[in-house]
Amino acid sequence: MTPPPLLPDDRWRAGHLGRLLGHALRRFDERVLHLMAHDPNVPLALSHLAARAQVGAAHIHITRHLGLQGSRLTELARLAGMSKQAMGDLVTQCDAWGLVRREADPLDARARRIVFTDTGLLWLEAFHRAVAQAETEFRAQVGDEVATVVALGLEAYGSEAAEPARRQLR
């Protein structure tokens, strides 16, 4: 009987760039949600949902991608890299929580737009503060020079995918 072949070295799987980016994004989003859960300007009901992990990174997609003038569901789904059905489920939850509402699209009577409510705008402001705090903490941990290089590198790397998204948010 011949011994099985030696398995190749697979240490690369734990340290490749995609995996590192994924870990960093999860850590960043978790920190942002934690800060939002403890923000005194976030409505108490939403703060409790965030603190009990009922609001997750998927819900952040709406906060991150919903235009200030509103967006169609298909736009939101595309920007977040999700199916229309999955985004519809998130919007339904956020609607029930009072973050967003669906309203008629002024450009197309058959279409609906998703827009922030007043509560949703408070949530967006808390998101802005939390992102700024998380970025400050990142800079403190890795240093200003490394943080700047990382930001420039990620901006350059993601610019092809991000440019259509930027145009949609304007």
N, C-alpha and C. Protein backbone atom coordinates (compact mmCIF):
# COMPACT_ATOMS: atom_id res chain seq x y z
N MET A 1 0.85 -1.18 0.00
CA MET A 1 0.00 0.00 0.00
C MET A 1 0.89 1.24 0.00
N THR A 2 0.57 2.18 -0.88
CA THR A 2 1.37 3.39 -0.97
C THR A 2 0.78 4.47 -0.07
N PRO A 3 1.63 5.23 0.56
CA PRO A 3 1.13 6.30 1.45
C PRO A 3 0.45 7.38 0.62
N PRO A 4 -0.51 8.07 1.23
CA PRO A 4 -1.18 9.15 0.50
C PRO A 4 -0.18 10.27 0.19
N PRO A 5 -0.41 10.98 -0.88
CA PRO A 5 0.52 12.07 -1.22
C PRO A 5 0.49 13.15 -0.14
N LEU A 6 1.60 13.80 0.04
CA LEU A 6 1.67 14.90 1.00
C LEU A 6 0.79 16.05 0.53
N LEU A 7 0.08 16.61 1.46
CA LEU A 7 -0.76 17.75 1.12
C LEU A 7 0.13 18.96 0.87
N PRO A 8 -0.25 19.78 -0.10
CA PRO A 8 0.56 20.98 -0.35
C PRO A 8 0.41 21.98 0.81
N ASP A 9 1.34 22.86 0.89
CA ASP A 9 1.30 23.91 1.91
C ASP A 9 0.12 24.83 1.62
N ASP A 10 -0.80 24.94 2.55
CA ASP A 10 -1.97 25.78 2.32
C ASP A 10 -2.05 26.97 3.27
N ARG A 11 -0.92 27.35 3.83
CA ARG A 11 -0.90 28.51 4.74
C ARG A 11 -1.34 29.79 4.04
N TRP A 12 -1.18 29.84 2.73
CA TRP A 12 -1.57 31.02 1.97
C TRP A 12 -3.06 31.34 2.14
N ARG A 13 -3.85 30.31 2.40
CA ARG A 13 -5.30 30.52 2.51
C ARG A 13 -5.66 31.40 3.71
N ALA A 14 -4.87 31.36 4.75
CA ALA A 14 -5.17 32.14 5.96
C ALA A 14 -4.68 33.58 5.87
N GLY A 15 -3.78 33.87 4.93
CA GLY A 15 -3.20 35.20 4.92
C GLY A 15 -3.28 35.94 3.60
N HIS A 16 -4.10 35.47 2.67
CA HIS A 16 -4.18 36.20 1.40
C HIS A 16 -4.98 37.49 1.57
N LEU A 17 -4.79 38.39 0.65
CA LEU A 17 -5.34 39.73 0.75
C LEU A 17 -6.87 39.73 0.91
N GLY A 18 -7.57 38.91 0.16
CA GLY A 18 -9.03 38.88 0.26
C GLY A 18 -9.50 38.50 1.65
N ARG A 19 -8.84 37.52 2.23
CA ARG A 19 -9.22 37.10 3.59
C ARG A 19 -8.92 38.19 4.61
N LEU A 20 -7.76 38.83 4.46
CA LEU A 20 -7.40 39.92 5.37
C LEU A 20 -8.38 41.09 5.25
N LEU A 21 -8.76 41.42 4.02
CA LEU A 21 -9.74 42.49 3.81
C LEU A 21 -11.08 42.13 4.44
N GLY A 22 -11.49 40.87 4.29
CA GLY A 22 -12.74 40.42 4.88
C GLY A 22 -12.73 40.52 6.40
N HIS A 23 -11.63 40.08 7.01
CA HIS A 23 -11.52 40.19 8.47
C HIS A 23 -11.55 41.66 8.91
N ALA A 24 -10.82 42.49 8.19
CA ALA A 24 -10.77 43.91 8.55
C ALA A 24 -12.15 44.56 8.41
N LEU A 25 -12.87 44.22 7.33
CA LEU A 25 -14.21 44.80 7.15
C LEU A 25 -15.15 44.35 8.25
N ARG A 26 -15.12 43.07 8.61
CA ARG A 26 -15.99 42.60 9.70
C ARG A 26 -15.66 43.31 11.00
N ARG A 27 -14.37 43.45 11.31
CA ARG A 27 -13.98 44.13 12.54
C ARG A 27 -14.43 45.58 12.52
N PHE A 28 -14.25 46.25 11.40
CA PHE A 28 -14.63 47.65 11.29
C PHE A 28 -16.14 47.80 11.47
N ASP A 29 -16.93 46.99 10.75
CA ASP A 29 -18.38 47.07 10.86
C ASP A 29 -18.87 46.74 12.27
N GLU A 30 -18.26 45.75 12.92
CA GLU A 30 -18.64 45.42 14.29
C GLU A 30 -18.37 46.59 15.22
N ARG A 31 -17.24 47.26 15.02
CA ARG A 31 -16.91 48.42 15.86
C ARG A 31 -17.90 49.55 15.63
N VAL A 32 -18.23 49.80 14.37
CA VAL A 32 -19.19 50.85 14.04
C VAL A 32 -20.54 50.55 14.70
N LEU A 33 -21.01 49.32 14.59
CA LEU A 33 -22.29 48.95 15.21
C LEU A 33 -22.24 49.10 16.73
N HIS A 34 -21.12 48.73 17.33
CA HIS A 34 -20.97 48.89 18.78
C HIS A 34 -21.07 50.36 19.17
N LEU A 35 -20.36 51.21 18.44
CA LEU A 35 -20.40 52.64 18.74
C LEU A 35 -21.81 53.20 18.54
N MET A 36 -22.49 52.75 17.50
CA MET A 36 -23.86 53.22 17.27
C MET A 36 -24.81 52.76 18.37
N ALA A 37 -24.59 51.55 18.87
CA ALA A 37 -25.45 51.03 19.94
C ALA A 37 -25.31 51.85 21.22
N HIS A 38 -24.17 52.51 21.37
CA HIS A 38 -23.92 53.28 22.59
C HIS A 38 -23.95 54.79 22.35
N ASP A 39 -24.44 55.20 21.20
CA ASP A 39 -24.54 56.63 20.87
C ASP A 39 -25.81 57.19 21.52
N PRO A 40 -25.69 58.20 22.36
CA PRO A 40 -26.87 58.74 23.04
C PRO A 40 -27.87 59.41 22.09
N ASN A 41 -27.46 59.71 20.87
CA ASN A 41 -28.35 60.36 19.91
C ASN A 41 -29.14 59.37 19.06
N VAL A 42 -28.83 58.08 19.20
CA VAL A 42 -29.58 57.05 18.48
C VAL A 42 -30.83 56.76 19.29
N PRO A 43 -32.00 56.73 18.64
CA PRO A 43 -33.22 56.40 19.38
C PRO A 43 -33.05 55.10 20.17
N LEU A 44 -33.59 55.09 21.37
CA LEU A 44 -33.37 54.00 22.31
C LEU A 44 -33.73 52.63 21.72
N ALA A 45 -34.82 52.53 21.02
CA ALA A 45 -35.23 51.24 20.45
C ALA A 45 -34.18 50.72 19.47
N LEU A 46 -33.62 51.62 18.65
CA LEU A 46 -32.58 51.20 17.70
C LEU A 46 -31.28 50.87 18.42
N SER A 47 -30.98 51.62 19.45
CA SER A 47 -29.79 51.35 20.25
C SER A 47 -29.87 49.95 20.86
N HIS A 48 -31.05 49.59 21.38
CA HIS A 48 -31.23 48.26 21.96
C HIS A 48 -31.11 47.17 20.89
N LEU A 49 -31.67 47.41 19.71
CA LEU A 49 -31.55 46.44 18.62
C LEU A 49 -30.08 46.23 18.25
N ALA A 50 -29.34 47.32 18.15
CA ALA A 50 -27.92 47.22 17.80
C ALA A 50 -27.14 46.52 18.91
N ALA A 51 -27.44 46.85 20.16
CA ALA A 51 -26.73 46.26 21.28
C ALA A 51 -26.99 44.75 21.38
N ARG A 52 -28.19 44.31 20.97
CA ARG A 52 -28.52 42.88 21.01
C ARG A 52 -28.20 42.18 19.69
N ALA A 53 -27.43 42.83 18.85
CA ALA A 53 -26.98 42.28 17.57
C ALA A 53 -28.14 41.95 16.64
N GLN A 54 -29.27 42.66 16.79
CA GLN A 54 -30.39 42.49 15.86
C GLN A 54 -30.13 43.29 14.58
N VAL A 55 -29.37 44.36 14.71
CA VAL A 55 -28.94 45.15 13.56
C VAL A 55 -27.54 44.64 13.24
N GLY A 56 -27.36 44.20 12.02
CA GLY A 56 -26.08 43.63 11.66
C GLY A 56 -25.42 44.36 10.51
N ALA A 57 -24.31 43.81 10.08
CA ALA A 57 -23.56 44.41 8.98
C ALA A 57 -24.41 44.53 7.72
N ALA A 58 -25.31 43.59 7.51
CA ALA A 58 -26.17 43.67 6.33
C ALA A 58 -27.03 44.93 6.37
N HIS A 59 -27.51 45.30 7.55
CA HIS A 59 -28.32 46.51 7.67
C HIS A 59 -27.49 47.76 7.40
N ILE A 60 -26.21 47.66 7.65
CA ILE A 60 -25.32 48.79 7.37
C ILE A 60 -25.29 49.08 5.87
N HIS A 61 -25.54 48.06 5.05
CA HIS A 61 -25.57 48.30 3.59
C HIS A 61 -26.57 49.39 3.24
N ILE A 62 -27.70 49.39 3.88
CA ILE A 62 -28.70 50.42 3.59
C ILE A 62 -28.17 51.77 4.05
N THR A 63 -27.62 51.82 5.24
CA THR A 63 -27.08 53.07 5.76
C THR A 63 -25.95 53.58 4.86
N ARG A 64 -25.12 52.66 4.40
CA ARG A 64 -23.96 53.02 3.60
C ARG A 64 -24.36 53.46 2.19
N HIS A 65 -25.41 52.88 1.62
CA HIS A 65 -25.68 53.08 0.19
C HIS A 65 -26.92 53.91 -0.15
N LEU A 66 -27.84 54.09 0.78
CA LEU A 66 -29.06 54.83 0.47
C LEU A 66 -28.74 56.29 0.23
N GLY A 67 -29.12 56.79 -0.95
CA GLY A 67 -28.88 58.19 -1.28
C GLY A 67 -29.70 59.12 -0.40
N LEU A 68 -29.21 60.31 -0.17
CA LEU A 68 -29.93 61.27 0.67
C LEU A 68 -31.28 61.66 0.07
N GLN A 69 -31.41 61.58 -1.23
CA GLN A 69 -32.68 61.88 -1.90
C GLN A 69 -33.50 60.62 -2.13
N GLY A 70 -32.99 59.49 -1.63
CA GLY A 70 -33.68 58.22 -1.80
C GLY A 70 -33.08 57.41 -2.93
N SER A 71 -33.42 56.15 -2.97
CA SER A 71 -32.92 55.24 -4.00
C SER A 71 -33.98 54.20 -4.28
N ARG A 72 -33.94 53.67 -5.48
CA ARG A 72 -34.80 52.54 -5.81
C ARG A 72 -34.18 51.27 -5.22
N LEU A 73 -35.03 50.32 -4.97
CA LEU A 73 -34.58 49.05 -4.39
C LEU A 73 -33.50 48.39 -5.27
N THR A 74 -33.70 48.42 -6.57
CA THR A 74 -32.71 47.80 -7.46
C THR A 74 -31.36 48.49 -7.37
N GLU A 75 -31.36 49.82 -7.20
CA GLU A 75 -30.11 50.55 -7.04
C GLU A 75 -29.40 50.13 -5.75
N LEU A 76 -30.17 50.09 -4.66
CA LEU A 76 -29.61 49.70 -3.37
C LEU A 76 -29.00 48.30 -3.45
N ALA A 77 -29.72 47.38 -4.04
CA ALA A 77 -29.24 46.00 -4.14
C ALA A 77 -27.95 45.94 -4.94
N ARG A 78 -27.91 46.66 -6.05
CA ARG A 78 -26.71 46.66 -6.90
C ARG A 78 -25.51 47.25 -6.16
N LEU A 79 -25.72 48.38 -5.51
CA LEU A 79 -24.63 49.05 -4.80
C LEU A 79 -24.09 48.20 -3.65
N ALA A 80 -24.98 47.44 -3.01
CA ALA A 80 -24.58 46.60 -1.88
C ALA A 80 -24.10 45.23 -2.32
N GLY A 81 -24.24 44.91 -3.61
CA GLY A 81 -23.83 43.60 -4.10
C GLY A 81 -24.73 42.49 -3.58
N MET A 82 -26.03 42.78 -3.48
CA MET A 82 -27.00 41.82 -2.95
C MET A 82 -28.08 41.58 -3.99
N SER A 83 -28.85 40.52 -3.78
CA SER A 83 -30.01 40.30 -4.63
C SER A 83 -31.08 41.31 -4.27
N LYS A 84 -31.97 41.55 -5.21
CA LYS A 84 -33.08 42.47 -4.97
C LYS A 84 -33.97 41.94 -3.84
N GLN A 85 -34.16 40.63 -3.81
CA GLN A 85 -35.00 40.03 -2.77
C GLN A 85 -34.38 40.21 -1.39
N ALA A 86 -33.07 39.96 -1.26
CA ALA A 86 -32.40 40.13 0.03
C ALA A 86 -32.45 41.58 0.49
N MET A 87 -32.23 42.51 -0.44
CA MET A 87 -32.30 43.92 -0.09
C MET A 87 -33.72 44.30 0.29
N GLY A 88 -34.70 43.73 -0.41
CA GLY A 88 -36.10 44.00 -0.06
C GLY A 88 -36.43 43.57 1.35
N ASP A 89 -35.87 42.43 1.78
CA ASP A 89 -36.08 41.97 3.15
C ASP A 89 -35.46 42.94 4.15
N LEU A 90 -34.26 43.43 3.85
CA LEU A 90 -33.61 44.41 4.74
C LEU A 90 -34.41 45.71 4.82
N VAL A 91 -34.88 46.17 3.67
CA VAL A 91 -35.67 47.40 3.64
C VAL A 91 -36.96 47.22 4.45
N THR A 92 -37.59 46.06 4.33
CA THR A 92 -38.80 45.80 5.10
C THR A 92 -38.51 45.87 6.59
N GLN A 93 -37.40 45.29 7.02
CA GLN A 93 -37.02 45.37 8.44
C GLN A 93 -36.76 46.81 8.85
N CYS A 94 -35.98 47.51 8.05
CA CYS A 94 -35.64 48.90 8.39
C CYS A 94 -36.88 49.79 8.36
N ASP A 95 -37.83 49.48 7.51
CA ASP A 95 -39.10 50.20 7.47
C ASP A 95 -39.85 49.95 8.78
N ALA A 96 -39.89 48.72 9.23
CA ALA A 96 -40.58 48.39 10.49
C ALA A 96 -39.92 49.07 11.68
N TRP A 97 -38.63 49.27 11.61
CA TRP A 97 -37.90 49.94 12.69
C TRP A 97 -37.99 51.46 12.60
N GLY A 98 -38.55 51.96 11.52
CA GLY A 98 -38.70 53.41 11.36
C GLY A 98 -37.49 54.10 10.79
N LEU A 99 -36.56 53.37 10.20
CA LEU A 99 -35.36 53.98 9.62
C LEU A 99 -35.62 54.53 8.22
N VAL A 100 -36.43 53.82 7.45
CA VAL A 100 -36.71 54.19 6.07
C VAL A 100 -38.21 54.05 5.82
N ARG A 101 -38.63 54.60 4.71
CA ARG A 101 -40.00 54.38 4.24
C ARG A 101 -39.96 54.28 2.72
N ARG A 102 -40.98 53.64 2.20
CA ARG A 102 -41.14 53.56 0.74
C ARG A 102 -42.12 54.66 0.33
N GLU A 103 -41.78 55.35 -0.75
CA GLU A 103 -42.68 56.37 -1.27
C GLU A 103 -42.65 56.34 -2.79
N ALA A 104 -43.63 56.99 -3.38
CA ALA A 104 -43.71 57.04 -4.84
C ALA A 104 -42.48 57.74 -5.41
N ASP A 105 -42.01 57.23 -6.53
CA ASP A 105 -40.87 57.84 -7.22
C ASP A 105 -41.41 58.98 -8.08
N PRO A 106 -40.95 60.21 -7.88
CA PRO A 106 -41.48 61.33 -8.65
C PRO A 106 -41.16 61.23 -10.15
N LEU A 107 -40.17 60.41 -10.52
CA LEU A 107 -39.80 60.27 -11.92
C LEU A 107 -40.51 59.14 -12.63
N ASP A 108 -41.11 58.23 -11.86
CA ASP A 108 -41.77 57.07 -12.45
C ASP A 108 -42.89 56.63 -11.51
N ALA A 109 -44.13 56.86 -11.92
CA ALA A 109 -45.27 56.57 -11.05
C ALA A 109 -45.38 55.09 -10.70
N ARG A 110 -44.79 54.21 -11.51
CA ARG A 110 -44.86 52.78 -11.22
C ARG A 110 -43.82 52.35 -10.19
N ALA A 111 -42.79 53.16 -10.00
CA ALA A 111 -41.67 52.79 -9.13
C ALA A 111 -41.82 53.37 -7.74
N ARG A 112 -41.11 52.76 -6.79
CA ARG A 112 -41.06 53.22 -5.40
C ARG A 112 -39.62 53.58 -5.08
N ARG A 113 -39.45 54.56 -4.23
CA ARG A 113 -38.13 54.94 -3.74
C ARG A 113 -38.07 54.65 -2.25
N ILE A 114 -36.91 54.29 -1.81
CA ILE A 114 -36.65 54.09 -0.39
C ILE A 114 -35.98 55.39 0.08
N VAL A 115 -36.51 55.98 1.15
CA VAL A 115 -35.95 57.23 1.68
C VAL A 115 -35.77 57.10 3.19
N PHE A 116 -34.81 57.85 3.71
CA PHE A 116 -34.62 57.91 5.15
C PHE A 116 -35.79 58.64 5.80
N THR A 117 -36.20 58.18 6.97
CA THR A 117 -37.13 58.91 7.81
C THR A 117 -36.30 59.86 8.67
N ASP A 118 -36.97 60.68 9.48
CA ASP A 118 -36.22 61.54 10.41
C ASP A 118 -35.38 60.69 11.36
N THR A 119 -35.95 59.57 11.82
CA THR A 119 -35.20 58.65 12.68
C THR A 119 -34.02 58.06 11.90
N GLY A 120 -34.25 57.74 10.65
CA GLY A 120 -33.18 57.21 9.81
C GLY A 120 -32.05 58.20 9.62
N LEU A 121 -32.39 59.48 9.53
CA LEU A 121 -31.34 60.50 9.41
C LEU A 121 -30.53 60.61 10.70
N LEU A 122 -31.18 60.44 11.86
CA LEU A 122 -30.44 60.39 13.12
C LEU A 122 -29.49 59.19 13.12
N TRP A 123 -29.99 58.06 12.63
CA TRP A 123 -29.18 56.84 12.52
C TRP A 123 -27.99 57.10 11.59
N LEU A 124 -28.22 57.78 10.47
CA LEU A 124 -27.16 58.09 9.52
C LEU A 124 -26.10 58.99 10.16
N GLU A 125 -26.54 59.97 10.95
CA GLU A 125 -25.59 60.84 11.65
C GLU A 125 -24.75 60.03 12.64
N ALA A 126 -25.40 59.10 13.35
CA ALA A 126 -24.67 58.24 14.28
C ALA A 126 -23.69 57.36 13.52
N PHE A 127 -24.09 56.87 12.35
CA PHE A 127 -23.21 56.08 11.50
C PHE A 127 -21.98 56.90 11.12
N HIS A 128 -22.20 58.15 10.75
CA HIS A 128 -21.08 59.04 10.38
C HIS A 128 -20.10 59.19 11.55
N ARG A 129 -20.63 59.46 12.74
CA ARG A 129 -19.77 59.61 13.92
C ARG A 129 -19.02 58.31 14.22
N ALA A 130 -19.72 57.19 14.12
CA ALA A 130 -19.10 55.90 14.43
C ALA A 130 -18.01 55.55 13.44
N VAL A 131 -18.25 55.82 12.16
CA VAL A 131 -17.23 55.56 11.13
C VAL A 131 -16.00 56.43 11.40
N ALA A 132 -16.22 57.70 11.71
CA ALA A 132 -15.09 58.60 12.00
C ALA A 132 -14.30 58.09 13.20
N GLN A 133 -15.00 57.64 14.26
CA GLN A 133 -14.32 57.11 15.45
C GLN A 133 -13.54 55.84 15.11
N ALA A 134 -14.16 54.93 14.36
CA ALA A 134 -13.48 53.68 13.99
C ALA A 134 -12.25 53.96 13.13
N GLU A 135 -12.35 54.94 12.23
CA GLU A 135 -11.18 55.31 11.42
C GLU A 135 -10.08 55.91 12.29
N THR A 136 -10.46 56.73 13.27
CA THR A 136 -9.48 57.31 14.19
C THR A 136 -8.77 56.20 14.97
N GLU A 137 -9.54 55.20 15.42
CA GLU A 137 -8.96 54.08 16.15
C GLU A 137 -8.03 53.26 15.26
N PHE A 138 -8.41 53.07 14.01
CA PHE A 138 -7.55 52.36 13.05
C PHE A 138 -6.23 53.11 12.89
N ARG A 139 -6.32 54.42 12.70
CA ARG A 139 -5.09 55.23 12.54
C ARG A 139 -4.21 55.14 13.79
N ALA A 140 -4.82 55.16 14.97
CA ALA A 140 -4.06 55.07 16.21
C ALA A 140 -3.37 53.72 16.32
N GLN A 141 -4.01 52.67 15.84
CA GLN A 141 -3.42 51.33 15.96
C GLN A 141 -2.28 51.09 14.96
N VAL A 142 -2.47 51.53 13.71
CA VAL A 142 -1.46 51.21 12.69
C VAL A 142 -0.55 52.38 12.36
N GLY A 143 -0.88 53.58 12.83
CA GLY A 143 -0.09 54.76 12.52
C GLY A 143 -0.65 55.51 11.32
N ASP A 144 -0.43 56.83 11.33
CA ASP A 144 -0.97 57.67 10.26
C ASP A 144 -0.43 57.29 8.88
N GLU A 145 0.86 57.00 8.80
CA GLU A 145 1.46 56.71 7.50
C GLU A 145 0.87 55.43 6.90
N VAL A 146 0.78 54.38 7.71
CA VAL A 146 0.23 53.12 7.22
C VAL A 146 -1.24 53.30 6.87
N ALA A 147 -1.99 54.00 7.71
CA ALA A 147 -3.42 54.21 7.46
C ALA A 147 -3.62 54.97 6.14
N THR A 148 -2.78 55.95 5.88
CA THR A 148 -2.88 56.71 4.64
C THR A 148 -2.59 55.82 3.43
N VAL A 149 -1.54 55.02 3.54
CA VAL A 149 -1.19 54.11 2.44
C VAL A 149 -2.31 53.09 2.21
N VAL A 150 -2.85 52.55 3.29
CA VAL A 150 -3.95 51.58 3.17
C VAL A 150 -5.14 52.24 2.48
N ALA A 151 -5.52 53.44 2.93
CA ALA A 151 -6.66 54.14 2.34
C ALA A 151 -6.43 54.42 0.86
N LEU A 152 -5.24 54.90 0.51
CA LEU A 152 -4.94 55.18 -0.89
C LEU A 152 -4.95 53.90 -1.73
N GLY A 153 -4.37 52.85 -1.18
CA GLY A 153 -4.34 51.58 -1.90
C GLY A 153 -5.73 51.01 -2.11
N LEU A 154 -6.55 51.04 -1.08
CA LEU A 154 -7.92 50.52 -1.21
C LEU A 154 -8.74 51.37 -2.16
N GLU A 155 -8.54 52.68 -2.11
CA GLU A 155 -9.25 53.57 -3.03
C GLU A 155 -8.87 53.26 -4.48
N ALA A 156 -7.58 53.09 -4.73
CA ALA A 156 -7.12 52.78 -6.09
C ALA A 156 -7.63 51.41 -6.53
N TYR A 157 -7.54 50.44 -5.65
CA TYR A 157 -7.96 49.07 -5.99
C TYR A 157 -9.46 48.99 -6.23
N GLY A 158 -10.23 49.68 -5.42
CA GLY A 158 -11.68 49.61 -5.53
C GLY A 158 -12.30 50.66 -6.44
N SER A 159 -11.49 51.50 -7.05
CA SER A 159 -12.04 52.62 -7.82
C SER A 159 -12.89 52.16 -9.00
N GLU A 160 -12.56 51.07 -9.63
CA GLU A 160 -13.36 50.60 -10.77
C GLU A 160 -14.77 50.23 -10.32
N ALA A 161 -14.88 49.56 -9.19
CA ALA A 161 -16.20 49.17 -8.69
C ALA A 161 -16.90 50.34 -8.02
N ALA A 162 -16.15 51.24 -7.43
CA ALA A 162 -16.75 52.32 -6.65
C ALA A 162 -17.24 53.48 -7.50
N GLU A 163 -16.68 53.71 -8.67
CA GLU A 163 -17.06 54.88 -9.47
C GLU A 163 -18.54 54.88 -9.83
N PRO A 164 -19.11 53.78 -10.33
CA PRO A 164 -20.56 53.82 -10.59
C PRO A 164 -21.37 54.06 -9.32
N ALA A 165 -20.91 53.53 -8.21
CA ALA A 165 -21.62 53.72 -6.94
C ALA A 165 -21.58 55.19 -6.53
N ARG A 166 -20.44 55.84 -6.69
CA ARG A 166 -20.33 57.25 -6.33
C ARG A 166 -21.28 58.09 -7.17
N ARG A 167 -21.36 57.78 -8.46
CA ARG A 167 -22.26 58.54 -9.34
C ARG A 167 -23.71 58.38 -8.90
N GLN A 168 -24.09 57.19 -8.41
CA GLN A 168 -25.46 56.94 -7.99
C GLN A 168 -25.82 57.72 -6.74
N LEU A 169 -24.87 57.93 -5.84
CA LEU A 169 -25.15 58.61 -4.57
C LEU A 169 -25.23 60.12 -4.73
N ARG A 170 -24.74 60.65 -5.83
CA ARG A 170 -24.76 62.10 -6.01
C ARG A 170 -26.14 62.61 -6.30
